[in-house]
Amino acid sequence: MATTAIAVGTMKVAQVSHPGANFQIVEREIPQPRAGEVRIKVQACGVCHSDVFTKEGLWPGIQYPRVPGHEVVGIIDEVGAGVSEWKKGKRAGVGWHGGHDNTCRDCRRGDFRNCRNLKVPGISYDGGYQEYMVAPAEALAAIPETLSDIEAAPLLCAGVTTFDSLRNSGASPGDLVAIQGIGGLGHLGIQFANKFGYKVAAIGRGAETAPLAKKLGASVYIDSQSTNAAEALQKLGGAKVILATAPNSKAMSELIDGLAANGKLIVIGVASDPIEVTPLQLITRTANIQGWASGTTAGEEDTLNFAELSGVRPMVERYPLEKAGEAYARMMSGNAHFRVVLTM
């Protein structure tokens, strides 16, 4: 039975007071879960590039001050009224999918990922850059015991995005699958693609990245600085799938000619400029271009369980909550190897 909690003190929070503001470390009262919600004692929270939406006010309707963070792992320490499936003391995570309305057209068709009123932690409500966080019960994913908090956190956004996009790509074991970019998304994409049984071509910039790409599971490394990557893919027979993880629309555009017949370019790297493609490029290959958002809580649990089973792990740099601003700057610099995680 759910219990009614009372205020139990204060907590540290890394908040953004207004769009473009620096992070502030402040004290707030520990929040209480309402009906249908749980409170999580946060253990780790990933710092994702999508946190820029909150930091810079790029998402319409954000209310400030706001606490970012949508790669959250912790322990449930309080449950609100009506919550029966989650108990105090259980490990849980919250990813980009922070709740859905169950009533819109997409939800009624089971497509919760595209809910018209999707909630996103750190945007719709305060996220994981804090010691305690409240979230809707439907936003929770169970964390396997053998995954550490720091390992699990990035898998709730970067992990599920690469995992779900690849497993729904139409590629079969043995097919050539190219991963464009070897960064926060790409280093996980290479690992998942390898474990799925694909022939993996990693596309990066500079010969010095080749050893890491091979270590992560790539069969082939293509240096786009010295080689025409599309031509290199065609010499290998053409890619059934190209997973575009680096937020560079020009680089994505240059890869389209590397697709095999009926191949697909899947875009998960967020860039604001257009991808350029001619109708002839698509028609002559019957090629497809598809965008892919994160994933549902079911997808998050599948990702975590597969990672536990297969040994896929994120490469992580960790920072304490008090250094949230430094951690965010490190992530935005593009120099982190490869995910940044705050610890409480």
C-alpha atoms as a PDB file:
ATOM      1  CA  MET A   1       0.000   0.000   0.000  1.00  0.00           C
ATOM      2  CA  ALA A   2       1.294   3.473  -0.881  1.00  0.00           C
ATOM      3  CA  THR A   3       2.162   5.718   2.021  1.00  0.00           C
ATOM      4  CA  THR A   4       1.779   9.438   2.453  1.00  0.00           C
ATOM      5  CA  ALA A   5       5.175  11.080   2.842  1.00  0.00           C
ATOM      6  CA  ILE A   6       6.086  14.273   4.578  1.00  0.00           C
ATOM      7  CA  ALA A   7       8.928  16.617   3.771  1.00  0.00           C
ATOM      8  CA  VAL A   8      12.210  14.990   4.739  1.00  0.00           C
ATOM      9  CA  GLY A   9      14.695  17.815   4.256  1.00  0.00           C
ATOM     10  CA  THR A  10      16.531  19.467   1.410  1.00  0.00           C
ATOM     11  CA  MET A  11      18.579  18.305  -1.523  1.00  0.00           C
ATOM     12  CA  LYS A  12      21.154  19.656  -3.970  1.00  0.00           C
ATOM     13  CA  VAL A  13      19.931  20.568  -7.424  1.00  0.00           C
ATOM     14  CA  ALA A  14      21.730  21.734 -10.580  1.00  0.00           C
ATOM     15  CA  GLN A  15      19.212  24.050 -12.233  1.00  0.00           C
ATOM     16  CA  VAL A  16      18.984  26.418 -15.176  1.00  0.00           C
ATOM     17  CA  SER A  17      17.220  29.617 -14.079  1.00  0.00           C
ATOM     18  CA  HIS A  18      16.480  30.878 -17.605  1.00  0.00           C
ATOM     19  CA  PRO A  19      17.450  30.008 -21.188  1.00  0.00           C
ATOM     20  CA  GLY A  20      21.217  30.318 -21.704  1.00  0.00           C
ATOM     21  CA  ALA A  21      21.982  30.684 -17.994  1.00  0.00           C
ATOM     22  CA  ASN A  22      24.864  28.895 -16.328  1.00  0.00           C
ATOM     23  CA  PHE A  23      24.065  26.024 -14.021  1.00  0.00           C
ATOM     24  CA  GLN A  24      23.322  26.923 -10.416  1.00  0.00           C
ATOM     25  CA  ILE A  25      23.784  24.519  -7.527  1.00  0.00           C
ATOM     26  CA  VAL A  26      20.967  25.308  -5.105  1.00  0.00           C
ATOM     27  CA  GLU A  27      19.114  23.716  -2.196  1.00  0.00           C
ATOM     28  CA  ARG A  28      15.472  22.725  -2.617  1.00  0.00           C
ATOM     29  CA  GLU A  29      13.001  20.806  -0.545  1.00  0.00           C
ATOM     30  CA  ILE A  30      12.909  17.122  -1.420  1.00  0.00           C
ATOM     31  CA  PRO A  31       9.792  16.681  -3.615  1.00  0.00           C
ATOM     32  CA  GLN A  32       6.877  14.431  -2.719  1.00  0.00           C
ATOM     33  CA  PRO A  33       5.315  12.059  -5.272  1.00  0.00           C
ATOM     34  CA  ARG A  34       1.685  12.624  -6.191  1.00  0.00           C
ATOM     35  CA  ALA A  35      -0.785   9.934  -7.214  1.00  0.00           C
ATOM     36  CA  GLY A  36       0.682   7.797  -9.979  1.00  0.00           C
ATOM     37  CA  GLU A  37       4.235   8.972  -9.328  1.00  0.00           C
ATOM     38  CA  VAL A  38       7.318   7.686  -7.573  1.00  0.00           C
ATOM     39  CA  ARG A  39      10.295   9.426  -6.024  1.00  0.00           C
ATOM     40  CA  ILE A  40      13.771   8.244  -6.980  1.00  0.00           C
ATOM     41  CA  LYS A  41      16.924   8.793  -4.957  1.00  0.00           C
ATOM     42  CA  VAL A  42      19.199   9.523  -7.891  1.00  0.00           C
ATOM     43  CA  GLN A  43      22.493   7.648  -8.051  1.00  0.00           C
ATOM     44  CA  ALA A  44      23.646   8.671 -11.543  1.00  0.00           C
ATOM     45  CA  CYS A  45      22.410  10.835 -14.412  1.00  0.00           C
ATOM     46  CA  GLY A  46      23.840  10.994 -17.898  1.00  0.00           C
ATOM     47  CA  VAL A  47      24.617  14.330 -19.522  1.00  0.00           C
ATOM     48  CA  CYS A  48      23.166  14.107 -23.017  1.00  0.00           C
ATOM     49  CA  HIS A  49      23.499  16.469 -25.968  1.00  0.00           C
ATOM     50  CA  SER A  50      19.697  16.820 -25.933  1.00  0.00           C
ATOM     51  CA  ASP A  51      20.041  18.641 -22.602  1.00  0.00           C
ATOM     52  CA  VAL A  52      20.851  21.638 -24.802  1.00  0.00           C
ATOM     53  CA  PHE A  53      17.091  21.987 -25.332  1.00  0.00           C
ATOM     54  CA  THR A  54      16.709  22.880 -21.662  1.00  0.00           C
ATOM     55  CA  LYS A  55      19.985  24.727 -21.204  1.00  0.00           C
ATOM     56  CA  GLU A  56      19.395  27.054 -24.157  1.00  0.00           C
ATOM     57  CA  GLY A  57      15.579  27.176 -24.152  1.00  0.00           C
ATOM     58  CA  LEU A  58      15.242  25.507 -27.551  1.00  0.00           C
ATOM     59  CA  TRP A  59      12.127  23.491 -26.673  1.00  0.00           C
ATOM     60  CA  PRO A  60       8.875  25.483 -26.684  1.00  0.00           C
ATOM     61  CA  GLY A  61       7.037  25.830 -23.413  1.00  0.00           C
ATOM     62  CA  ILE A  62       9.766  24.965 -20.908  1.00  0.00           C
ATOM     63  CA  GLN A  63       9.109  26.521 -17.530  1.00  0.00           C
ATOM     64  CA  TYR A  64      12.092  27.828 -15.558  1.00  0.00           C
ATOM     65  CA  PRO A  65      13.916  27.271 -13.350  1.00  0.00           C
ATOM     66  CA  ARG A  66      14.308  23.775 -14.720  1.00  0.00           C
ATOM     67  CA  VAL A  67      16.521  20.814 -13.817  1.00  0.00           C
ATOM     68  CA  PRO A  68      17.789  18.907 -16.899  1.00  0.00           C
ATOM     69  CA  GLY A  69      18.540  15.206 -17.138  1.00  0.00           C
ATOM     70  CA  HIS A  70      16.858  12.254 -18.850  1.00  0.00           C
ATOM     71  CA  GLU A  71      19.346   9.402 -18.298  1.00  0.00           C
ATOM     72  CA  VAL A  72      18.494   8.781 -14.668  1.00  0.00           C
ATOM     73  CA  VAL A  73      19.260   5.747 -12.501  1.00  0.00           C
ATOM     74  CA  GLY A  74      18.449   5.456  -8.819  1.00  0.00           C
ATOM     75  CA  ILE A  75      16.492   3.744  -6.090  1.00  0.00           C
ATOM     76  CA  ILE A  76      12.772   4.232  -5.472  1.00  0.00           C
ATOM     77  CA  ASP A  77      12.409   5.677  -1.973  1.00  0.00           C
ATOM     78  CA  GLU A  78       8.732   6.700  -2.014  1.00  0.00           C
ATOM     79  CA  VAL A  79       5.652   5.814  -4.049  1.00  0.00           C
ATOM     80  CA  GLY A  80       2.517   7.865  -4.558  1.00  0.00           C
ATOM     81  CA  ALA A  81      -1.086   6.753  -4.240  1.00  0.00           C
ATOM     82  CA  GLY A  82      -2.237   4.220  -6.793  1.00  0.00           C
ATOM     83  CA  VAL A  83       1.233   2.896  -7.619  1.00  0.00           C
ATOM     84  CA  SER A  84       1.349  -0.854  -7.063  1.00  0.00           C
ATOM     85  CA  GLU A  85       3.812  -2.185  -9.611  1.00  0.00           C
ATOM     86  CA  TRP A  86       6.846  -0.378  -8.155  1.00  0.00           C
ATOM     87  CA  LYS A  87       8.078  -0.771  -4.587  1.00  0.00           C
ATOM     88  CA  LYS A  88      10.394   1.178  -2.331  1.00  0.00           C
ATOM     89  CA  GLY A  89      13.972  -0.037  -2.541  1.00  0.00           C
ATOM     90  CA  LYS A  90      13.784  -1.176  -6.178  1.00  0.00           C
ATOM     91  CA  ARG A  91      16.313   0.154  -8.704  1.00  0.00           C
ATOM     92  CA  ALA A  92      14.725   2.074 -11.543  1.00  0.00           C
ATOM     93  CA  GLY A  93      15.666   4.341 -14.401  1.00  0.00           C
ATOM     94  CA  VAL A  94      14.008   7.115 -16.384  1.00  0.00           C
ATOM     95  CA  GLY A  95      14.999   7.882 -19.973  1.00  0.00           C
ATOM     96  CA  TRP A  96      13.834  10.354 -22.618  1.00  0.00           C
ATOM     97  CA  HIS A  97      10.391   8.725 -22.535  1.00  0.00           C
ATOM     98  CA  GLY A  98       9.125  10.387 -19.379  1.00  0.00           C
ATOM     99  CA  GLY A  99       5.434   9.537 -19.594  1.00  0.00           C
ATOM    100  CA  HIS A 100       2.539   9.403 -22.061  1.00  0.00           C
ATOM    101  CA  ASP A 101      -1.158  10.252 -21.944  1.00  0.00           C
ATOM    102  CA  ASN A 102      -2.622   6.866 -22.981  1.00  0.00           C
ATOM    103  CA  THR A 103      -5.468   8.711 -24.721  1.00  0.00           C
ATOM    104  CA  CYS A 104      -4.098  10.291 -27.915  1.00  0.00           C
ATOM    105  CA  ARG A 105      -4.442   8.550 -31.273  1.00  0.00           C
ATOM    106  CA  ASP A 106      -0.890   7.208 -31.236  1.00  0.00           C
ATOM    107  CA  CYS A 107      -1.109   5.876 -27.674  1.00  0.00           C
ATOM    108  CA  ARG A 108      -4.401   4.146 -28.468  1.00  0.00           C
ATOM    109  CA  ARG A 109      -2.559   2.336 -31.248  1.00  0.00           C
ATOM    110  CA  GLY A 110       0.258   1.332 -28.925  1.00  0.00           C
ATOM    111  CA  ASP A 111       2.766   3.803 -30.370  1.00  0.00           C
ATOM    112  CA  PHE A 112       3.708   5.396 -27.046  1.00  0.00           C
ATOM    113  CA  ARG A 113       6.993   6.690 -28.467  1.00  0.00           C
ATOM    114  CA  ASN A 114       5.044   9.142 -30.612  1.00  0.00           C
ATOM    115  CA  CYS A 115       2.515  10.203 -27.977  1.00  0.00           C
ATOM    116  CA  ARG A 116       1.125  13.635 -28.892  1.00  0.00           C
ATOM    117  CA  ASN A 117       1.620  14.707 -25.266  1.00  0.00           C
ATOM    118  CA  LEU A 118       4.877  12.911 -24.517  1.00  0.00           C
ATOM    119  CA  LYS A 119       6.577  14.019 -21.317  1.00  0.00           C
ATOM    120  CA  VAL A 120      10.352  14.394 -21.288  1.00  0.00           C
ATOM    121  CA  PRO A 121      12.330  14.561 -18.021  1.00  0.00           C
ATOM    122  CA  GLY A 122      14.249  17.804 -17.764  1.00  0.00           C
ATOM    123  CA  ILE A 123      11.816  19.465 -20.171  1.00  0.00           C
ATOM    124  CA  SER A 124       8.263  18.639 -19.069  1.00  0.00           C
ATOM    125  CA  TYR A 125       9.317  18.299 -15.428  1.00  0.00           C
ATOM    126  CA  ASP A 126      12.550  18.394 -13.446  1.00  0.00           C
ATOM    127  CA  GLY A 127      15.029  15.728 -14.474  1.00  0.00           C
ATOM    128  CA  GLY A 128      17.968  13.938 -12.930  1.00  0.00           C
ATOM    129  CA  TYR A 129      20.520  16.666 -12.223  1.00  0.00           C
ATOM    130  CA  GLN A 130      19.410  16.479  -8.589  1.00  0.00           C
ATOM    131  CA  GLU A 131      19.605  14.174  -5.601  1.00  0.00           C
ATOM    132  CA  TYR A 132      15.906  13.230  -5.659  1.00  0.00           C
ATOM    133  CA  MET A 133      13.518  13.179  -8.611  1.00  0.00           C
ATOM    134  CA  VAL A 134       9.784  12.549  -9.054  1.00  0.00           C
ATOM    135  CA  ALA A 135       8.521  10.797 -12.192  1.00  0.00           C
ATOM    136  CA  PRO A 136       5.311   9.149 -13.443  1.00  0.00           C
ATOM    137  CA  ALA A 137       5.227   5.415 -12.797  1.00  0.00           C
ATOM    138  CA  GLU A 138       4.805   4.668 -16.516  1.00  0.00           C
ATOM    139  CA  ALA A 139       8.181   6.321 -17.180  1.00  0.00           C
ATOM    140  CA  LEU A 140      10.172   3.782 -15.151  1.00  0.00           C
ATOM    141  CA  ALA A 141      12.431   1.026 -16.440  1.00  0.00           C
ATOM    142  CA  ALA A 142      13.824  -1.765 -14.262  1.00  0.00           C
ATOM    143  CA  ILE A 143      17.627  -1.859 -13.971  1.00  0.00           C
ATOM    144  CA  PRO A 144      19.399  -5.247 -14.114  1.00  0.00           C
ATOM    145  CA  GLU A 145      21.367  -5.895 -10.946  1.00  0.00           C
ATOM    146  CA  THR A 146      24.673  -6.569 -12.686  1.00  0.00           C
ATOM    147  CA  LEU A 147      24.736  -3.194 -14.459  1.00  0.00           C
ATOM    148  CA  SER A 148      26.207  -0.395 -12.381  1.00  0.00           C
ATOM    149  CA  ASP A 149      24.394   2.928 -12.087  1.00  0.00           C
ATOM    150  CA  ILE A 150      27.023   4.622 -14.235  1.00  0.00           C
ATOM    151  CA  GLU A 151      26.845   1.934 -16.922  1.00  0.00           C
ATOM    152  CA  ALA A 152      23.054   1.912 -17.027  1.00  0.00           C
ATOM    153  CA  ALA A 153      22.413   5.665 -17.213  1.00  0.00           C
ATOM    154  CA  PRO A 154      23.590   6.331 -20.811  1.00  0.00           C
ATOM    155  CA  LEU A 155      21.780   3.218 -22.024  1.00  0.00           C
ATOM    156  CA  LEU A 156      18.440   4.893 -21.177  1.00  0.00           C
ATOM    157  CA  CYS A 157      18.830   7.370 -24.040  1.00  0.00           C
ATOM    158  CA  ALA A 158      21.905   6.842 -26.219  1.00  0.00           C
ATOM    159  CA  GLY A 159      21.636   3.098 -25.687  1.00  0.00           C
ATOM    160  CA  VAL A 160      17.976   2.600 -26.500  1.00  0.00           C
ATOM    161  CA  THR A 161      18.222   4.954 -29.492  1.00  0.00           C
ATOM    162  CA  THR A 162      20.997   2.922 -31.144  1.00  0.00           C
ATOM    163  CA  PHE A 163      19.632  -0.459 -30.032  1.00  0.00           C
ATOM    164  CA  ASP A 164      16.043   0.130 -31.136  1.00  0.00           C
ATOM    165  CA  SER A 165      16.936   1.814 -34.429  1.00  0.00           C
ATOM    166  CA  LEU A 166      19.213  -1.067 -35.410  1.00  0.00           C
ATOM    167  CA  ARG A 167      16.908  -3.896 -34.358  1.00  0.00           C
ATOM    168  CA  ASN A 168      14.052  -2.285 -36.316  1.00  0.00           C
ATOM    169  CA  SER A 169      16.211  -1.414 -39.323  1.00  0.00           C
ATOM    170  CA  GLY A 170      15.438  -4.480 -41.423  1.00  0.00           C
ATOM    171  CA  ALA A 171      19.083  -5.598 -41.475  1.00  0.00           C
ATOM    172  CA  SER A 172      19.779  -9.307 -40.987  1.00  0.00           C
ATOM    173  CA  PRO A 173      22.852 -11.033 -39.540  1.00  0.00           C
ATOM    174  CA  GLY A 174      25.654 -10.876 -42.091  1.00  0.00           C
ATOM    175  CA  ASP A 175      24.402  -7.666 -43.721  1.00  0.00           C
ATOM    176  CA  LEU A 176      26.760  -4.708 -44.057  1.00  0.00           C
ATOM    177  CA  VAL A 177      25.747  -2.024 -41.560  1.00  0.00           C
ATOM    178  CA  ALA A 178      27.688   1.237 -41.366  1.00  0.00           C
ATOM    179  CA  ILE A 179      27.898   3.406 -38.265  1.00  0.00           C
ATOM    180  CA  GLN A 180      28.673   7.031 -39.087  1.00  0.00           C
ATOM    181  CA  GLY A 181      30.455   8.728 -36.187  1.00  0.00           C
ATOM    182  CA  ILE A 182      32.327   7.182 -33.273  1.00  0.00           C
ATOM    183  CA  GLY A 183      31.127   9.268 -30.364  1.00  0.00           C
ATOM    184  CA  GLY A 184      28.536   9.108 -27.637  1.00  0.00           C
ATOM    185  CA  LEU A 185      25.990   7.365 -29.878  1.00  0.00           C
ATOM    186  CA  GLY A 186      28.322   5.742 -32.380  1.00  0.00           C
ATOM    187  CA  HIS A 187      30.496   3.849 -29.915  1.00  0.00           C
ATOM    188  CA  LEU A 188      27.345   2.115 -28.650  1.00  0.00           C
ATOM    189  CA  GLY A 189      25.984   1.632 -32.163  1.00  0.00           C
ATOM    190  CA  ILE A 190      29.139  -0.232 -33.216  1.00  0.00           C
ATOM    191  CA  GLN A 191      28.874  -2.542 -30.218  1.00  0.00           C
ATOM    192  CA  PHE A 192      25.184  -3.313 -30.728  1.00  0.00           C
ATOM    193  CA  ALA A 193      25.643  -3.838 -34.476  1.00  0.00           C
ATOM    194  CA  ASN A 194      28.461  -6.288 -33.816  1.00  0.00           C
ATOM    195  CA  LYS A 195      26.413  -8.232 -31.255  1.00  0.00           C
ATOM    196  CA  PHE A 196      23.477  -8.369 -33.691  1.00  0.00           C
ATOM    197  CA  GLY A 197      25.724 -10.252 -36.127  1.00  0.00           C
ATOM    198  CA  TYR A 198      26.095  -7.537 -38.752  1.00  0.00           C
ATOM    199  CA  LYS A 199      29.259  -6.883 -40.734  1.00  0.00           C
ATOM    200  CA  VAL A 200      30.077  -3.499 -39.214  1.00  0.00           C
ATOM    201  CA  ALA A 201      31.755  -0.656 -41.078  1.00  0.00           C
ATOM    202  CA  ALA A 202      32.659   2.225 -38.765  1.00  0.00           C
ATOM    203  CA  ILE A 203      33.020   5.622 -40.420  1.00  0.00           C
ATOM    204  CA  GLY A 204      35.144   8.164 -38.565  1.00  0.00           C
ATOM    205  CA  ARG A 205      37.498  11.045 -39.137  1.00  0.00           C
ATOM    206  CA  GLY A 206      41.191  10.288 -38.937  1.00  0.00           C
ATOM    207  CA  ALA A 207      43.237   7.086 -39.057  1.00  0.00           C
ATOM    208  CA  GLU A 208      43.937   7.275 -35.319  1.00  0.00           C
ATOM    209  CA  THR A 209      40.345   6.186 -34.561  1.00  0.00           C
ATOM    210  CA  ALA A 210      40.701   2.851 -36.334  1.00  0.00           C
ATOM    211  CA  PRO A 211      42.051   0.817 -33.368  1.00  0.00           C
ATOM    212  CA  LEU A 212      39.161   1.890 -31.123  1.00  0.00           C
ATOM    213  CA  ALA A 213      36.588   1.145 -33.829  1.00  0.00           C
ATOM    214  CA  LYS A 214      38.007  -2.368 -34.258  1.00  0.00           C
ATOM    215  CA  LYS A 215      38.087  -2.880 -30.486  1.00  0.00           C
ATOM    216  CA  LEU A 216      34.399  -1.906 -30.261  1.00  0.00           C
ATOM    217  CA  GLY A 217      33.515  -4.492 -32.889  1.00  0.00           C
ATOM    218  CA  ALA A 218      33.890  -2.957 -36.342  1.00  0.00           C
ATOM    219  CA  SER A 219      35.020  -5.292 -39.129  1.00  0.00           C
ATOM    220  CA  VAL A 220      36.055  -2.374 -41.313  1.00  0.00           C
ATOM    221  CA  TYR A 221      37.142   1.186 -40.542  1.00  0.00           C
ATOM    222  CA  ILE A 222      36.615   3.925 -43.134  1.00  0.00           C
ATOM    223  CA  ASP A 223      38.466   7.198 -42.651  1.00  0.00           C
ATOM    224  CA  SER A 224      36.213   9.808 -44.235  1.00  0.00           C
ATOM    225  CA  GLN A 225      39.035  12.355 -44.207  1.00  0.00           C
ATOM    226  CA  SER A 226      41.164  10.357 -46.638  1.00  0.00           C
ATOM    227  CA  THR A 227      38.569   8.193 -48.384  1.00  0.00           C
ATOM    228  CA  ASN A 228      35.262   8.706 -50.150  1.00  0.00           C
ATOM    229  CA  ALA A 229      33.154   6.798 -47.641  1.00  0.00           C
ATOM    230  CA  ALA A 230      30.241   6.144 -50.016  1.00  0.00           C
ATOM    231  CA  GLU A 231      32.580   4.627 -52.619  1.00  0.00           C
ATOM    232  CA  ALA A 232      34.255   2.534 -49.917  1.00  0.00           C
ATOM    233  CA  LEU A 233      30.865   1.166 -48.867  1.00  0.00           C
ATOM    234  CA  GLN A 234      29.983   0.305 -52.464  1.00  0.00           C
ATOM    235  CA  LYS A 235      33.257  -1.624 -52.832  1.00  0.00           C
ATOM    236  CA  LEU A 236      32.044  -3.702 -49.887  1.00  0.00           C
ATOM    237  CA  GLY A 237      28.740  -4.332 -51.669  1.00  0.00           C
ATOM    238  CA  GLY A 238      26.757  -1.369 -50.376  1.00  0.00           C
ATOM    239  CA  ALA A 239      25.323  -0.855 -46.915  1.00  0.00           C
ATOM    240  CA  LYS A 240      21.964  -2.350 -46.011  1.00  0.00           C
ATOM    241  CA  VAL A 241      21.790   0.270 -43.266  1.00  0.00           C
ATOM    242  CA  ILE A 242      23.751   3.396 -42.448  1.00  0.00           C
ATOM    243  CA  LEU A 243      23.172   4.621 -38.902  1.00  0.00           C
ATOM    244  CA  ALA A 244      23.994   8.344 -38.883  1.00  0.00           C
ATOM    245  CA  THR A 245      24.983   9.278 -35.325  1.00  0.00           C
ATOM    246  CA  ALA A 246      27.167  12.357 -35.791  1.00  0.00           C
ATOM    247  CA  PRO A 247      25.165  15.616 -36.025  1.00  0.00           C
ATOM    248  CA  ASN A 248      26.589  16.607 -39.419  1.00  0.00           C
ATOM    249  CA  SER A 249      24.035  16.820 -42.230  1.00  0.00           C
ATOM    250  CA  LYS A 250      26.692  17.292 -44.920  1.00  0.00           C
ATOM    251  CA  ALA A 251      28.428  14.082 -43.855  1.00  0.00           C
ATOM    252  CA  MET A 252      25.084  12.251 -43.836  1.00  0.00           C
ATOM    253  CA  SER A 253      24.279  13.520 -47.332  1.00  0.00           C
ATOM    254  CA  GLU A 254      27.607  12.264 -48.670  1.00  0.00           C
ATOM    255  CA  LEU A 255      26.859   8.719 -47.489  1.00  0.00           C
ATOM    256  CA  ILE A 256      23.574   8.175 -49.324  1.00  0.00           C
ATOM    257  CA  ASP A 257      25.378   6.850 -52.414  1.00  0.00           C
ATOM    258  CA  GLY A 258      26.904   4.171 -50.190  1.00  0.00           C
ATOM    259  CA  LEU A 259      23.560   2.435 -49.678  1.00  0.00           C
ATOM    260  CA  ALA A 260      22.815  -0.914 -51.273  1.00  0.00           C
ATOM    261  CA  ALA A 261      19.596  -1.548 -53.162  1.00  0.00           C
ATOM    262  CA  ASN A 262      16.698  -1.142 -50.726  1.00  0.00           C
ATOM    263  CA  GLY A 263      19.155   0.320 -48.223  1.00  0.00           C
ATOM    264  CA  LYS A 264      18.203   2.697 -45.477  1.00  0.00           C
ATOM    265  CA  LEU A 265      19.829   5.756 -43.915  1.00  0.00           C
ATOM    266  CA  ILE A 266      18.646   6.025 -40.314  1.00  0.00           C
ATOM    267  CA  VAL A 267      19.195   9.439 -38.764  1.00  0.00           C
ATOM    268  CA  ILE A 268      19.643   9.712 -34.993  1.00  0.00           C
ATOM    269  CA  GLY A 269      22.231  12.517 -34.847  1.00  0.00           C
ATOM    270  CA  VAL A 270      20.379  15.805 -34.330  1.00  0.00           C
ATOM    271  CA  ALA A 271      21.428  18.569 -36.726  1.00  0.00           C
ATOM    272  CA  SER A 272      19.520  21.682 -37.758  1.00  0.00           C
ATOM    273  CA  ASP A 273      20.634  22.025 -41.387  1.00  0.00           C
ATOM    274  CA  PRO A 274      19.024  19.957 -44.160  1.00  0.00           C
ATOM    275  CA  ILE A 275      20.156  16.620 -45.542  1.00  0.00           C
ATOM    276  CA  GLU A 276      20.597  16.989 -49.301  1.00  0.00           C
ATOM    277  CA  VAL A 277      19.480  14.189 -51.591  1.00  0.00           C
ATOM    278  CA  THR A 278      18.158  14.030 -55.133  1.00  0.00           C
ATOM    279  CA  PRO A 279      15.104  11.982 -56.107  1.00  0.00           C
ATOM    280  CA  LEU A 280      17.337  10.050 -58.516  1.00  0.00           C
ATOM    281  CA  GLN A 281      19.590   8.913 -55.662  1.00  0.00           C
ATOM    282  CA  LEU A 282      16.597   7.413 -53.876  1.00  0.00           C
ATOM    283  CA  ILE A 283      14.827   6.027 -56.933  1.00  0.00           C
ATOM    284  CA  THR A 284      17.812   4.223 -58.461  1.00  0.00           C
ATOM    285  CA  ARG A 285      18.441   2.360 -55.208  1.00  0.00           C
ATOM    286  CA  THR A 286      14.844   2.268 -53.930  1.00  0.00           C
ATOM    287  CA  ALA A 287      16.531   3.749 -50.870  1.00  0.00           C
ATOM    288  CA  ASN A 288      14.963   5.094 -47.703  1.00  0.00           C
ATOM    289  CA  ILE A 289      15.784   7.841 -45.227  1.00  0.00           C
ATOM    290  CA  GLN A 290      14.263   7.461 -41.775  1.00  0.00           C
ATOM    291  CA  GLY A 291      14.506   9.410 -38.550  1.00  0.00           C
ATOM    292  CA  TRP A 292      14.488   7.572 -35.238  1.00  0.00           C
ATOM    293  CA  ALA A 293      13.695   8.994 -31.823  1.00  0.00           C
ATOM    294  CA  SER A 294      14.649   7.390 -28.520  1.00  0.00           C
ATOM    295  CA  GLY A 295      12.417   4.557 -27.278  1.00  0.00           C
ATOM    296  CA  THR A 296       9.738   3.468 -24.824  1.00  0.00           C
ATOM    297  CA  THR A 297      10.327   2.075 -21.353  1.00  0.00           C
ATOM    298  CA  ALA A 298       9.881  -1.422 -22.798  1.00  0.00           C
ATOM    299  CA  GLY A 299      12.632  -0.641 -25.292  1.00  0.00           C
ATOM    300  CA  GLU A 300      14.812   0.708 -22.510  1.00  0.00           C
ATOM    301  CA  GLU A 301      14.449  -2.515 -20.546  1.00  0.00           C
ATOM    302  CA  ASP A 302      15.215  -4.558 -23.670  1.00  0.00           C
ATOM    303  CA  THR A 303      18.335  -2.459 -24.199  1.00  0.00           C
ATOM    304  CA  LEU A 304      19.503  -2.867 -20.615  1.00  0.00           C
ATOM    305  CA  ASN A 305      18.869  -6.607 -20.606  1.00  0.00           C
ATOM    306  CA  PHE A 306      20.618  -7.114 -23.943  1.00  0.00           C
ATOM    307  CA  ALA A 307      23.591  -5.042 -22.770  1.00  0.00           C
ATOM    308  CA  GLU A 308      23.801  -7.124 -19.607  1.00  0.00           C
ATOM    309  CA  LEU A 309      23.710 -10.326 -21.649  1.00  0.00           C
ATOM    310  CA  SER A 310      26.062  -9.292 -24.457  1.00  0.00           C
ATOM    311  CA  GLY A 311      28.622  -7.162 -22.640  1.00  0.00           C
ATOM    312  CA  VAL A 312      27.809  -3.892 -24.435  1.00  0.00           C
ATOM    313  CA  ARG A 313      28.895  -1.053 -22.165  1.00  0.00           C
ATOM    314  CA  PRO A 314      29.191   2.727 -22.561  1.00  0.00           C
ATOM    315  CA  MET A 315      32.552   4.416 -22.148  1.00  0.00           C
ATOM    316  CA  VAL A 316      32.009   7.042 -19.461  1.00  0.00           C
ATOM    317  CA  GLU A 317      33.579  10.112 -17.872  1.00  0.00           C
ATOM    318  CA  ARG A 318      32.095  10.875 -14.458  1.00  0.00           C
ATOM    319  CA  TYR A 319      31.605  14.142 -12.594  1.00  0.00           C
ATOM    320  CA  PRO A 320      30.008  14.971  -9.238  1.00  0.00           C
ATOM    321  CA  LEU A 321      26.672  16.813  -9.288  1.00  0.00           C
ATOM    322  CA  GLU A 322      28.385  19.960  -7.990  1.00  0.00           C
ATOM    323  CA  LYS A 323      30.339  20.119 -11.274  1.00  0.00           C
ATOM    324  CA  ALA A 324      27.295  19.868 -13.541  1.00  0.00           C
ATOM    325  CA  GLY A 325      28.356  22.945 -15.476  1.00  0.00           C
ATOM    326  CA  GLU A 326      31.808  21.515 -16.126  1.00  0.00           C
ATOM    327  CA  ALA A 327      30.314  18.146 -17.097  1.00  0.00           C
ATOM    328  CA  TYR A 328      27.899  19.803 -19.538  1.00  0.00           C
ATOM    329  CA  ALA A 329      30.719  21.844 -21.110  1.00  0.00           C
ATOM    330  CA  ARG A 330      32.806  18.691 -21.500  1.00  0.00           C
ATOM    331  CA  MET A 331      29.937  16.946 -23.251  1.00  0.00           C
ATOM    332  CA  MET A 332      29.289  19.911 -25.545  1.00  0.00           C
ATOM    333  CA  SER A 333      32.990  20.154 -26.459  1.00  0.00           C
ATOM    334  CA  GLY A 334      32.767  16.854 -28.311  1.00  0.00           C
ATOM    335  CA  ASN A 335      35.962  15.676 -26.606  1.00  0.00           C
ATOM    336  CA  ALA A 336      34.420  13.374 -23.986  1.00  0.00           C
ATOM    337  CA  HIS A 337      35.131   9.637 -24.300  1.00  0.00           C
ATOM    338  CA  PHE A 338      32.273   9.119 -24.822  1.00  0.00           C
ATOM    339  CA  ARG A 339      29.382   9.687 -22.405  1.00  0.00           C
ATOM    340  CA  VAL A 340      29.409  12.031 -19.416  1.00  0.00           C
ATOM    341  CA  VAL A 341      27.628  10.964 -16.221  1.00  0.00           C
ATOM    342  CA  LEU A 342      26.882  12.889 -13.032  1.00  0.00           C
ATOM    343  CA  THR A 343      27.108  10.974  -9.770  1.00  0.00           C
ATOM    344  CA  MET A 344      25.372  11.913  -6.538  1.00  0.00           C
END
